[in-house]
């Protein structure tokens, strides 16, 4: 019968510890009424406990910090730090010690060792220390592989390694929505939810636009001449709370003529989110490039450049329309204006607008008159391309509020 030889013990010992900030220690109060059997015993024990606050022993307020008792949670965007120590437990000198630390993820293997050079020798009761740092950029299982190789006094080469597995969790849930304005502007709404178990201080939430756009943040208001955040002076986001951020993107001047007629998917930019947890640990996330489907305008796009919000009953008012040729051919356009029951066009219908080349635009100032009060819809514009004999109809272009004009009557 074969007997396996005993496993040889190594001369070196490897210890790996995660470096994290301490946590606030909270004492759970145990109390009772004086007429109960323990009497004042529990209250006296709490008063003598150094972790409680004098005069507020039963309020679960702590004034002590405690070292982490376990590995804890690691969230995407945070920095993983670990202390690696190799100690010579033997009574002999060990030579050519090489310590290597790799981080294995689902997609790659990273070398985290500060130095890949071997240490010439390590005397008894001495150690080799190293601290590694890595910004976590993937969700899921991570394995820290620590390998140690050395040579004994007898010239025998030894090697061993240890594995440390941990999970990287998702700290934030980010959802985005796009809204297309009548102009070439695009509004982005970002909903950010804290899905951890502790509050976060939102240090920065910004949008880095693509080269086509300029961005304006709409997350502050002006009060007494000062710019104040719409979320108040404190930027804390409690667990499971959601905060909404709004941004306005406008095409740059060199893209202004093209941005409104781009077809297909366009790249908007990416969100950059920076936060801090309880004791100042910083985390950072950047989303992938946000994309939106450009709206389809057909061959001819009609947009409003200027329109009043409120107009007087039976009084003419003016609007300014912008007509853009979104096709790849030249058009010869004729404008027709059809009256409705409430909105009446003032001017000549059937007038020639002339030729409009691809990606070109022209502006028209038109006059209207409303005969009915209330919120009225502007409809009845028709554009006809005389080359192809094709007519484009535009109804519900915009809405205006029609009010009765105030008339002074002398008594």
Protein backbone atom coordinates (compact mmCIF):
# COMPACT_ATOMS: atom_id res chain seq x y z
CA UNK A 1 0.00 0.00 0.00
CA UNK A 2 1.37 3.39 -1.06
CA UNK A 3 1.60 6.12 1.53
CA UNK A 4 1.85 9.75 0.41
CA UNK A 5 4.87 11.50 1.89
CA UNK A 6 4.07 14.22 4.45
CA UNK A 7 3.61 17.66 2.99
CA UNK A 8 6.67 19.80 3.49
CA UNK A 9 6.16 22.89 5.59
CA UNK A 10 7.38 26.17 4.16
CA UNK A 11 9.90 28.36 5.89
CA UNK A 12 7.95 31.52 5.05
CA UNK A 13 4.47 32.58 6.13
CA UNK A 14 2.22 34.76 3.99
CA UNK A 15 -0.39 37.08 5.44
CA UNK A 16 -2.75 39.27 3.41
CA UNK A 17 -4.95 41.92 5.03
CA UNK A 18 -7.27 44.43 3.46
CA UNK A 19 -6.62 48.07 4.35
CA UNK A 20 -9.82 49.93 5.15
CA UNK A 21 -10.92 52.83 7.29
CA UNK A 22 -12.27 52.02 10.77
CA UNK A 23 -15.98 52.10 11.41
CA UNK A 24 -18.03 53.91 14.01
CA UNK A 25 -18.82 51.63 16.94
CA UNK A 26 -22.42 51.74 18.07
CA UNK A 27 -23.32 50.30 21.46
CA UNK A 28 -26.73 48.63 21.64
CA UNK A 29 -28.35 49.78 24.89
CA UNK A 30 -29.93 47.24 27.22
CA UNK A 31 -32.06 48.86 29.89
CA UNK A 32 -35.00 48.19 32.17
CA UNK A 33 -37.19 49.95 34.69
CA UNK A 34 -35.99 50.39 38.27
CA UNK A 35 -38.80 48.19 39.66
CA UNK A 36 -37.61 45.24 37.57
CA UNK A 37 -35.32 42.60 39.05
CA UNK A 38 -31.97 43.99 37.70
CA UNK A 39 -32.84 47.39 39.12
CA UNK A 40 -30.25 49.97 38.07
CA UNK A 41 -27.62 47.38 37.10
CA UNK A 42 -28.01 47.72 33.31
CA UNK A 43 -28.04 51.51 33.44
CA UNK A 44 -24.90 51.55 35.55
CA UNK A 45 -23.12 49.23 33.12
CA UNK A 46 -23.96 51.58 30.24
CA UNK A 47 -22.70 54.60 32.20
CA UNK A 48 -19.41 52.78 32.81
CA UNK A 49 -19.07 51.71 29.15
CA UNK A 50 -16.39 53.89 27.48
CA UNK A 51 -18.16 53.62 24.09
CA UNK A 52 -21.23 55.54 25.24
CA UNK A 53 -21.78 59.30 25.42
CA UNK A 54 -22.17 60.76 28.86
CA UNK A 55 -25.77 61.72 29.49
CA UNK A 56 -27.01 59.94 26.34
CA UNK A 57 -26.21 56.31 27.06
CA UNK A 58 -29.52 54.95 25.74
CA UNK A 59 -29.49 56.86 22.43
CA UNK A 60 -27.12 54.48 20.57
CA UNK A 61 -24.55 57.25 20.07
CA UNK A 62 -20.97 56.03 19.96
CA UNK A 63 -17.71 57.91 20.27
CA UNK A 64 -15.33 55.05 19.49
CA UNK A 65 -13.87 53.66 16.28
CA UNK A 66 -13.44 49.95 15.70
CA UNK A 67 -11.18 48.10 13.29
CA UNK A 68 -12.88 46.03 10.57
CA UNK A 69 -13.80 42.56 11.75
CA UNK A 70 -14.23 41.07 8.29
CA UNK A 71 -13.31 41.70 4.67
CA UNK A 72 -16.33 43.97 4.16
CA UNK A 73 -17.93 45.10 0.91
CA UNK A 74 -16.08 46.49 -2.09
CA UNK A 75 -18.01 48.60 -4.56
CA UNK A 76 -17.32 49.37 -8.17
CA UNK A 77 -15.32 52.59 -8.51
CA UNK A 78 -13.62 52.33 -5.11
CA UNK A 79 -9.91 51.66 -4.52
CA UNK A 80 -9.00 48.22 -3.21
CA UNK A 81 -5.96 48.38 -0.90
CA UNK A 82 -4.24 45.39 0.65
CA UNK A 83 -1.25 44.80 2.93
CA UNK A 84 0.93 41.80 2.04
CA UNK A 85 3.49 40.49 4.54
CA UNK A 86 5.93 37.58 4.12
CA UNK A 87 7.54 36.53 7.41
CA UNK A 88 10.47 34.17 7.94
CA UNK A 89 9.24 31.79 10.66
CA UNK A 90 12.31 29.56 10.46
CA UNK A 91 15.76 29.77 12.11
CA UNK A 92 17.66 29.92 8.83
CA UNK A 93 18.35 32.56 6.22
CA UNK A 94 16.18 32.37 3.12
CA UNK A 95 17.46 33.69 -0.21
CA UNK A 96 16.05 35.02 -3.50
CA UNK A 97 12.57 35.79 -2.20
CA UNK A 98 10.10 36.93 -4.85
CA UNK A 99 6.58 38.02 -3.91
CA UNK A 100 4.06 38.48 -6.68
CA UNK A 101 0.44 39.67 -6.42
CA UNK A 102 -2.01 39.36 -9.31
CA UNK A 103 -5.70 40.23 -9.48
CA UNK A 104 -7.78 37.89 -11.61
CA UNK A 105 -11.12 39.17 -12.93
CA UNK A 106 -13.59 37.68 -15.36
CA UNK A 107 -11.88 39.43 -18.27
CA UNK A 108 -8.24 40.04 -17.38
CA UNK A 109 -5.33 39.36 -15.03
CA UNK A 110 -3.52 42.37 -13.54
CA UNK A 111 -0.11 42.49 -11.88
CA UNK A 112 -0.35 44.59 -8.69
CA UNK A 113 3.13 44.03 -7.30
CA UNK A 114 5.02 47.22 -6.49
CA UNK A 115 8.32 45.58 -7.44
CA UNK A 116 9.13 42.47 -9.46
CA UNK A 117 12.73 42.30 -8.19
CA UNK A 118 13.72 39.49 -5.85
CA UNK A 119 15.00 40.18 -2.33
CA UNK A 120 18.50 38.78 -1.89
CA UNK A 121 17.97 37.28 1.57
CA UNK A 122 15.60 37.30 4.53
CA UNK A 123 16.91 36.61 8.02
CA UNK A 124 14.89 34.79 10.69
CA UNK A 125 12.03 36.77 12.27
CA UNK A 126 12.26 39.37 9.50
CA UNK A 127 9.57 40.16 6.98
CA UNK A 128 8.95 41.68 3.57
CA UNK A 129 6.03 44.11 3.42
CA UNK A 130 4.18 45.48 0.44
CA UNK A 131 1.02 47.56 -0.02
CA UNK A 132 -0.97 47.30 -3.24
CA UNK A 133 -3.71 49.57 -4.57
CA UNK A 134 -6.16 49.02 -7.40
CA UNK A 135 -9.18 51.00 -8.58
CA UNK A 136 -11.93 48.44 -9.12
CA UNK A 137 -13.48 48.79 -12.56
CA UNK A 138 -15.41 45.54 -12.96
CA UNK A 139 -18.40 43.98 -11.20
CA UNK A 140 -18.32 40.37 -10.08
CA UNK A 141 -15.88 37.89 -8.61
CA UNK A 142 -12.25 38.97 -8.13
CA UNK A 143 -9.44 36.67 -7.01
CA UNK A 144 -6.24 38.02 -5.45
CA UNK A 145 -3.45 35.55 -6.23
CA UNK A 146 -0.35 35.93 -4.03
CA UNK A 147 2.64 33.79 -5.01
CA UNK A 148 5.93 33.43 -3.07
CA UNK A 149 9.09 31.77 -4.36
CA UNK A 150 12.40 31.43 -2.45
CA UNK A 151 15.54 29.34 -2.09
CA UNK A 152 16.55 27.50 1.10
CA UNK A 153 20.08 27.33 2.51
CA UNK A 154 20.44 23.93 0.92
CA UNK A 155 19.76 25.37 -2.54
CA UNK A 156 16.26 23.94 -2.86
CA UNK A 157 13.82 26.15 -4.72
CA UNK A 158 10.42 26.48 -3.05
CA UNK A 159 7.15 27.93 -4.25
CA UNK A 160 3.65 28.39 -2.86
CA UNK A 161 0.66 30.64 -3.43
CA UNK A 162 -2.64 31.58 -1.83
CA UNK A 163 -5.97 32.71 -3.25
CA UNK A 164 -8.29 35.33 -1.79
CA UNK A 165 -11.72 35.67 -3.39
CA UNK A 166 -14.00 38.69 -2.99
CA UNK A 167 -17.04 40.16 -4.70
CA UNK A 168 -17.30 43.64 -6.22
CA UNK A 169 -20.79 45.07 -5.89
CA UNK A 170 -22.63 47.79 -7.76
CA UNK A 171 -22.94 51.00 -5.67
CA UNK A 172 -25.22 53.07 -7.89
CA UNK A 173 -28.10 52.47 -10.23
CA UNK A 174 -27.96 55.01 -13.07
CA UNK A 175 -30.85 55.50 -15.51
CA UNK A 176 -30.93 58.09 -18.30
CA UNK A 177 -33.71 59.60 -20.41
CA UNK A 178 -33.47 61.89 -23.43
CA UNK A 179 -35.91 64.63 -24.39
CA UNK A 180 -35.75 66.35 -27.78
CA UNK A 181 -36.68 70.03 -27.84
CA UNK A 182 -38.25 71.84 -30.77
CA UNK A 183 -34.83 73.32 -31.44
CA UNK A 184 -31.61 71.30 -31.79
CA UNK A 185 -31.23 71.15 -28.01
CA UNK A 186 -31.29 67.81 -26.19
CA UNK A 187 -32.21 67.44 -22.51
CA UNK A 188 -30.71 64.58 -20.52
CA UNK A 189 -32.27 63.41 -17.26
CA UNK A 190 -30.03 61.18 -15.12
CA UNK A 191 -31.58 59.28 -12.21
CA UNK A 192 -28.95 58.15 -9.70
CA UNK A 193 -29.94 55.79 -6.88
CA UNK A 194 -27.78 54.77 -3.90
CA UNK A 195 -28.17 50.98 -3.66
CA UNK A 196 -25.63 50.52 -0.84
CA UNK A 197 -26.46 50.27 2.86
CA UNK A 198 -24.74 53.51 3.91
CA UNK A 199 -25.20 57.18 2.96
CA UNK A 200 -23.06 58.81 0.29
CA UNK A 201 -21.80 62.34 -0.10
CA UNK A 202 -22.20 63.22 -3.78
CA UNK A 203 -19.07 65.24 -4.46
CA UNK A 204 -19.55 65.65 -8.21
CA UNK A 205 -22.03 64.59 -10.86
CA UNK A 206 -21.14 66.06 -14.23
CA UNK A 207 -21.70 65.34 -17.88
CA UNK A 208 -18.70 65.25 -20.21
CA UNK A 209 -20.20 65.98 -23.65
CA UNK A 210 -18.97 64.68 -26.97
CA UNK A 211 -17.17 66.99 -29.38
CA UNK A 212 -20.47 67.94 -31.05
CA UNK A 213 -22.17 69.48 -27.99
CA UNK A 214 -21.85 72.13 -25.32
CA UNK A 215 -23.50 71.24 -22.01
CA UNK A 216 -25.31 73.39 -19.45
CA UNK A 217 -26.09 71.97 -15.99
CA UNK A 218 -29.62 72.69 -14.77
CA UNK A 219 -29.11 71.54 -11.19
CA UNK A 220 -28.83 74.92 -9.46
CA UNK A 221 -30.87 78.07 -8.94
CA UNK A 222 -29.89 81.66 -8.20
CA UNK A 223 -30.95 83.00 -4.82
CA UNK A 224 -29.90 86.42 -3.52
CA UNK A 225 -27.24 86.62 -6.21
CA UNK A 226 -25.71 83.24 -5.29
CA UNK A 227 -25.83 79.96 -7.17
CA UNK A 228 -27.46 77.34 -4.91
CA UNK A 229 -27.84 73.63 -5.62
CA UNK A 230 -31.40 72.43 -6.11
CA UNK A 231 -30.62 69.61 -3.66
CA UNK A 232 -29.80 71.97 -0.80
CA UNK A 233 -26.57 72.68 1.02
CA UNK A 234 -26.01 69.03 1.98
CA UNK A 235 -25.22 66.63 -0.81
CA UNK A 236 -25.96 63.39 1.07
CA UNK A 237 -27.77 60.57 -0.66
CA UNK A 238 -29.32 58.13 1.80
CA UNK A 239 -29.54 54.37 1.07
CA UNK A 240 -32.10 53.56 -1.66
CA UNK A 241 -32.73 57.27 -2.27
CA UNK A 242 -32.80 58.58 -5.85
CA UNK A 243 -31.70 61.96 -7.14
CA UNK A 244 -32.46 63.41 -10.56
CA UNK A 245 -29.95 65.54 -12.49
CA UNK A 246 -30.82 67.52 -15.61
CA UNK A 247 -28.52 68.71 -18.40
CA UNK A 248 -29.09 70.66 -21.60
CA UNK A 249 -26.92 69.88 -24.63
CA UNK A 250 -26.71 72.24 -27.55
CA UNK A 251 -24.80 71.58 -30.79
CA UNK A 252 -21.64 73.60 -31.28
CA UNK A 253 -21.65 76.27 -33.94
CA UNK A 254 -19.71 74.18 -36.44
CA UNK A 255 -22.23 71.33 -36.03
CA UNK A 256 -25.35 73.48 -35.65
CA UNK A 257 -26.47 73.06 -39.23
CA UNK A 258 -25.82 69.33 -39.26
CA UNK A 259 -26.93 68.35 -35.76
CA UNK A 260 -30.60 68.82 -36.50
CA UNK A 261 -30.60 66.49 -39.50
CA UNK A 262 -28.28 63.75 -38.33
CA UNK A 263 -29.91 60.39 -38.84
CA UNK A 264 -29.39 57.29 -36.72
CA UNK A 265 -27.54 57.07 -33.41
CA UNK A 266 -25.58 60.04 -32.05
CA UNK A 267 -23.10 60.06 -29.16
CA UNK A 268 -24.03 62.53 -26.41
CA UNK A 269 -21.26 62.06 -23.84
CA UNK A 270 -20.70 60.27 -20.52
CA UNK A 271 -21.52 60.89 -16.87
CA UNK A 272 -18.73 61.34 -14.32
CA UNK A 273 -19.83 60.56 -10.74
CA UNK A 274 -17.62 61.07 -7.66
CA UNK A 275 -18.77 60.29 -4.12
CA UNK A 276 -17.45 59.76 -0.59
CA UNK A 277 -18.64 57.30 2.04
CA UNK A 278 -18.80 57.58 5.83
CA UNK A 279 -15.13 58.22 6.62
CA UNK A 280 -14.04 59.86 3.41
CA UNK A 281 -13.35 56.85 1.16
CA UNK A 282 -13.70 58.10 -2.38
CA UNK A 283 -15.34 56.29 -5.24
CA UNK A 284 -15.67 57.25 -8.88
CA UNK A 285 -17.71 55.93 -11.78
CA UNK A 286 -17.82 56.90 -15.41
CA UNK A 287 -20.61 55.60 -17.59
CA UNK A 288 -20.03 54.38 -21.10
CA UNK A 289 -20.78 56.80 -23.92
CA UNK A 290 -24.46 57.70 -23.81
CA UNK A 291 -26.21 57.41 -27.15
CA UNK A 292 -29.60 58.53 -28.37
CA UNK A 293 -31.56 57.90 -31.53
CA UNK A 294 -31.83 61.13 -33.48
CA UNK A 295 -35.46 62.01 -34.25
CA UNK A 296 -36.62 61.53 -37.80
CA UNK A 297 -37.86 64.72 -39.45
CA UNK A 298 -38.57 63.35 -42.90
CA UNK A 299 -37.48 65.33 -45.95
CA UNK A 300 -38.46 68.75 -44.59
CA UNK A 301 -38.23 69.88 -40.98
CA UNK A 302 -40.37 72.72 -39.67
CA UNK A 303 -39.36 74.22 -36.31
CA UNK A 304 -40.30 77.38 -34.42
CA UNK A 305 -37.67 79.99 -33.66
CA UNK A 306 -39.96 82.48 -31.89
CA UNK A 307 -43.54 82.42 -30.63
CA UNK A 308 -45.36 84.38 -27.89
CA UNK A 309 -46.73 82.50 -24.89
CA UNK A 310 -49.86 84.64 -24.60
CA UNK A 311 -51.73 86.60 -27.29
CA UNK A 312 -54.80 88.84 -27.25
CA UNK A 313 -58.10 87.79 -28.78
CA UNK A 314 -58.63 89.03 -32.37
CA UNK A 315 -55.26 90.79 -32.39
CA UNK A 316 -52.54 89.79 -34.90
CA UNK A 317 -49.40 88.15 -33.55
CA UNK A 318 -46.22 86.97 -35.24
CA UNK A 319 -44.25 83.73 -35.18
CA UNK A 320 -40.95 82.83 -36.81
CA UNK A 321 -40.59 79.43 -38.50
CA UNK A 322 -37.45 77.70 -39.66
CA UNK A 323 -37.61 75.33 -42.63
CA UNK A 324 -34.71 72.87 -43.11
CA UNK A 325 -34.11 70.60 -46.08
CA UNK A 326 -33.22 67.23 -44.52
CA UNK A 327 -33.06 65.36 -47.79
CA UNK A 328 -30.15 64.91 -50.17
CA UNK A 329 -31.76 66.79 -53.08
CA UNK A 330 -32.67 70.37 -53.88
CA UNK A 331 -36.30 71.39 -53.35
CA UNK A 332 -38.47 74.12 -54.84
CA UNK A 333 -41.02 74.88 -52.10
CA UNK A 334 -44.42 76.57 -52.16
CA UNK A 335 -46.07 77.66 -48.87
CA UNK A 336 -49.82 77.25 -48.37
CA UNK A 337 -51.71 78.44 -45.27
CA UNK A 338 -55.05 76.83 -44.35
CA UNK A 339 -57.27 78.51 -41.78
CA UNK A 340 -58.89 76.57 -38.93
CA UNK A 341 -61.96 77.33 -36.81
CA UNK A 342 -59.92 79.25 -34.25
CA UNK A 343 -56.62 80.24 -35.91
CA UNK A 344 -56.53 82.41 -39.05
CA UNK A 345 -53.43 83.08 -41.15
CA UNK A 346 -52.78 86.65 -42.32
CA UNK A 347 -50.98 86.86 -45.63
CA UNK A 348 -50.87 85.36 -49.11
CA UNK A 349 -51.20 81.61 -49.40
CA UNK A 350 -49.44 79.76 -52.21
CA UNK A 351 -46.34 81.95 -52.36
CA UNK A 352 -43.06 80.68 -53.73
CA UNK A 353 -40.22 80.15 -51.23
CA UNK A 354 -37.65 79.37 -53.91
CA UNK A 355 -35.06 76.64 -54.09
CA UNK A 356 -33.70 75.10 -50.89
CA UNK A 357 -30.48 73.09 -51.14
CA UNK A 358 -29.72 70.00 -48.99
CA UNK A 359 -28.89 70.82 -45.32
CA UNK A 360 -29.91 74.45 -45.92
CA UNK A 361 -32.48 76.42 -43.95
CA UNK A 362 -34.63 79.51 -44.30
CA UNK A 363 -36.61 81.53 -41.76
CA UNK A 364 -40.14 82.84 -42.28
CA UNK A 365 -42.00 85.48 -40.27
CA UNK A 366 -45.73 84.71 -40.33
CA UNK A 367 -48.72 86.57 -38.90
CA UNK A 368 -51.78 84.94 -37.32
CA UNK A 369 -55.00 85.94 -35.57
CA UNK A 370 -57.14 83.95 -33.14
CA UNK A 371 -60.93 84.26 -32.89
CA UNK A 372 -61.38 81.89 -29.92
CA UNK A 373 -60.11 82.20 -26.37
CA UNK A 374 -58.18 79.52 -24.49
CA UNK A 375 -55.28 77.28 -25.41
CA UNK A 376 -55.25 77.10 -29.19
CA UNK A 377 -53.21 74.91 -31.51
CA UNK A 378 -51.44 76.40 -34.52
CA UNK A 379 -52.12 74.22 -37.56
CA UNK A 380 -52.66 74.40 -41.27
CA UNK A 381 -49.22 74.89 -42.87
CA UNK A 382 -48.54 73.04 -46.12
CA UNK A 383 -45.24 72.85 -48.01
CA UNK A 384 -45.23 71.54 -51.56
CA UNK A 385 -42.12 70.50 -53.47
CA UNK A 386 -42.84 71.41 -57.08
CA UNK A 387 -40.05 69.15 -58.37
CA UNK A 388 -41.64 65.93 -57.06
CA UNK A 389 -45.18 67.29 -56.62
CA UNK A 390 -45.03 66.15 -52.99
CA UNK A 391 -46.88 67.98 -50.18
CA UNK A 392 -45.82 68.01 -46.53
CA UNK A 393 -48.51 68.82 -43.94
CA UNK A 394 -47.80 70.40 -40.55
CA UNK A 395 -50.51 70.46 -37.89
CA UNK A 396 -50.27 71.01 -34.14
CA UNK A 397 -47.08 72.96 -34.66
CA UNK A 398 -47.37 74.76 -31.33
CA UNK A 399 -49.91 76.09 -28.85
CA UNK A 400 -50.64 79.62 -27.64
CA UNK A 401 -52.83 80.93 -24.86
CA UNK A 402 -55.45 83.37 -26.17
CA UNK A 403 -56.88 85.87 -23.68
CA UNK A 404 -59.36 88.70 -24.04
CA UNK A 405 -57.80 92.16 -24.29
CA UNK A 406 -58.58 94.59 -21.46
CA UNK A 407 -60.69 97.55 -22.62
CA UNK A 408 -61.12 100.60 -20.43
CA UNK A 409 -64.68 101.99 -20.43
CA UNK A 410 -65.32 105.50 -19.10
CA UNK A 411 -68.21 105.83 -16.70
